[in-house]
Each structure stands twice: as structure tokens, then as C-alpha cells.
Amino acid sequence: MGCGHGARHPQRGLQLPGAISIYAILRRVDIEATMQFIVEHQARLTTSQETQKESIASLEKMAAGHEERIARLETSIATATDLIGRLAQAEIRLVERMEKVEERQERLFERMDRFIQGLEGNGHKTP
């Protein structure tokens, strides 16, 4: 069957002297196409990874900004809560003082009524 330099027919197993087997050519084309596919896929994957890294960096920057805003909002809420508490305490004190003023006003009116009645009892007329 020859010295091994020829190609064998894939179905018949015959070796054709000095000829390259079609099967070998197709196999080589398949390997080259597969290698080209792998190289192209690797390039797309690398590009995709770089885009993802940029996106992640952008998201991390946004998250840091959000954390700062949240911290400021928490401080603002704490301040507002404190002010509301102070306002509520001031309102309670105001209500207590208003009650005292009303009591004093009522006593004043009672005294004025007694005074006026005393004047009328002594012969003075009130208009």
C-alpha cells in the first residue's frame, strides 16, 4: 500500500499515491474554522468583559453617591424629628400657659362682677 505519503480514501481505505485526502482537507478546514470561531468569540468576550467592568464601575460610583445622599437624608430626618419634638414640647407649654391665662381671666371677671355688684349695692348705678 505505499510508503505512507499518499492519502487514503475514507470509505474504501484506499491510498491514492501523491494525493491529499479530501477528508484531511475538510478536517483541516473544520479545525481552522473552529479556531477562527474561538478567536472571534474570545475577542467578543473580552470586549463584553470590558464593557461590564465599565458598567460595574459606573454603578459603584452611583451607589457611593446614593450612600452619601442617604446619609444626608438621615441627618435631615434626625434634625426634623428633633425640631418636631421641640415644637410639640413648646405647644404643650403654650397650652398649659393658655389654661393658666384662662383661669386668671375667669377670676378677674368674677372679681369685676363682684366689684360692680358692690358699687350697685352702695347706690351707684352702672350704665
Protein backbone atom coordinates (compact mmCIF):
# COMPACT_ATOMS: atom_id res chain seq x y z
CA MET A 1 0.00 0.00 0.00
CA GLY A 2 2.70 2.51 -0.41
CA CYS A 3 5.07 4.31 1.84
CA GLY A 4 2.55 6.49 3.69
CA HIS A 5 2.87 9.63 1.59
CA GLY A 6 -0.46 9.36 -0.18
CA ALA A 7 -3.97 9.80 1.07
CA ARG A 8 -6.42 7.04 1.81
CA HIS A 9 -9.95 7.11 0.58
CA PRO A 10 -12.08 7.48 3.75
CA GLN A 11 -14.73 4.99 2.76
CA ARG A 12 -12.66 2.41 0.95
CA GLY A 13 -9.45 2.77 2.83
CA LEU A 14 -7.52 3.06 -0.40
CA GLN A 15 -4.44 5.15 -0.57
CA LEU A 16 -4.06 7.39 -3.56
CA PRO A 17 -0.39 7.97 -4.29
CA GLY A 18 0.66 11.63 -4.06
CA ALA A 19 -2.87 12.89 -3.40
CA ILE A 20 -4.10 14.65 -0.28
CA SER A 21 -7.24 13.13 1.11
CA ILE A 22 -10.41 15.27 0.87
CA TYR A 23 -11.16 14.08 4.38
CA ALA A 24 -7.85 15.59 5.57
CA ILE A 25 -8.58 18.86 3.79
CA LEU A 26 -12.10 19.07 5.25
CA ARG A 27 -10.76 18.17 8.65
CA ARG A 28 -8.14 20.92 8.40
CA VAL A 29 -10.80 23.43 7.24
CA ASP A 30 -13.02 22.41 10.16
CA ILE A 31 -10.15 22.92 12.59
CA GLU A 32 -9.30 26.32 11.09
CA ALA A 33 -12.96 27.39 11.17
CA THR A 34 -13.24 26.23 14.77
CA MET A 35 -10.08 28.09 15.70
CA GLN A 36 -11.37 31.24 13.93
CA PHE A 37 -14.68 30.91 15.81
CA ILE A 38 -12.82 30.57 19.14
CA VAL A 39 -10.65 33.61 18.39
CA GLU A 40 -13.66 35.72 17.39
CA HIS A 41 -15.66 34.53 20.38
CA GLN A 42 -12.74 35.32 22.70
CA ALA A 43 -12.49 38.83 21.23
CA ARG A 44 -16.24 39.43 21.74
CA LEU A 45 -15.97 38.02 25.26
CA THR A 46 -13.06 40.34 26.07
CA THR A 47 -15.00 43.35 24.74
CA SER A 48 -18.05 42.30 26.72
CA GLN A 49 -15.98 41.93 29.89
CA GLU A 50 -14.50 45.41 29.44
CA THR A 51 -17.99 46.86 28.94
CA GLN A 52 -19.20 45.04 32.05
CA LYS A 53 -16.24 46.36 34.07
CA GLU A 54 -17.08 49.91 32.96
CA SER A 55 -20.73 49.37 33.84
CA ILE A 56 -19.83 47.98 37.26
CA ALA A 57 -17.52 50.93 37.94
CA SER A 58 -20.30 53.33 36.95
CA LEU A 59 -22.79 51.53 39.18
CA GLU A 60 -20.35 51.55 42.09
CA LYS A 61 -19.89 55.30 41.64
CA MET A 62 -23.66 55.80 41.59
CA ALA A 63 -24.05 53.62 44.69
CA ALA A 64 -21.47 55.71 46.53
CA GLY A 65 -23.38 58.86 45.58
CA HIS A 66 -26.61 57.29 46.79
CA GLU A 67 -24.98 56.34 50.08
CA GLU A 68 -23.91 59.96 50.58
CA ARG A 69 -27.42 61.20 49.79
CA ILE A 70 -28.96 58.66 52.15
CA ALA A 71 -26.59 59.76 54.93
CA ARG A 72 -27.57 63.41 54.36
CA LEU A 73 -31.25 62.48 54.34
CA GLU A 74 -30.85 60.52 57.57
CA THR A 75 -29.24 63.59 59.16
CA SER A 76 -32.04 65.80 57.85
CA ILE A 77 -34.68 63.41 59.18
CA ALA A 78 -33.00 63.32 62.59
CA THR A 79 -32.89 67.13 62.65
CA ALA A 80 -36.55 67.39 61.57
CA THR A 81 -37.56 64.81 64.19
CA ASP A 82 -35.73 66.78 66.88
CA LEU A 83 -37.39 70.02 65.77
CA ILE A 84 -40.81 68.39 65.73
CA GLY A 85 -40.19 67.12 69.25
CA ARG A 86 -39.19 70.59 70.40
CA LEU A 87 -42.23 72.10 68.71
CA ALA A 88 -44.51 69.59 70.41
CA GLN A 89 -42.98 70.43 73.81
CA ALA A 90 -43.40 74.15 73.13
CA GLU A 91 -47.03 73.57 72.16
CA ILE A 92 -47.64 71.67 75.39
CA ARG A 93 -46.13 74.55 77.39
CA LEU A 94 -48.23 77.05 75.41
CA VAL A 95 -51.44 75.11 76.10
CA GLU A 96 -50.56 74.97 79.81
CA ARG A 97 -49.94 78.74 79.87
CA MET A 98 -53.17 79.40 77.96
CA GLU A 99 -55.06 77.36 80.56
CA LYS A 100 -53.49 79.46 83.32
CA VAL A 101 -54.36 82.69 81.47
CA GLU A 102 -57.96 81.47 81.06
CA GLU A 103 -58.13 80.69 84.79
CA ARG A 104 -56.77 84.13 85.68
CA GLN A 105 -59.10 85.79 83.21
CA GLU A 106 -62.05 83.96 84.74
CA ARG A 107 -61.02 85.05 88.26
CA LEU A 108 -60.62 88.64 87.01
CA PHE A 109 -64.09 88.62 85.53
CA GLU A 110 -65.50 87.22 88.76
CA ARG A 111 -63.77 89.99 90.76
CA MET A 112 -65.00 92.63 88.33
CA ASP A 113 -68.55 91.29 88.67
CA ARG A 114 -68.31 91.43 92.49
CA PHE A 115 -66.86 94.94 92.33
CA ILE A 116 -69.65 96.11 90.03
CA GLN A 117 -72.25 94.47 92.26
CA GLY A 118 -70.68 96.20 95.27
CA LEU A 119 -70.90 99.55 93.55
CA GLU A 120 -74.53 98.99 92.67
CA GLY A 121 -75.27 97.95 96.29
CA ASN A 122 -73.85 101.28 97.55
CA GLY A 123 -76.28 103.27 95.49
CA HIS A 124 -74.16 103.74 92.40
CA LYS A 125 -75.77 102.96 89.10
CA THR A 126 -73.94 101.37 86.26
CA PRO A 127 -74.85 102.36 82.77
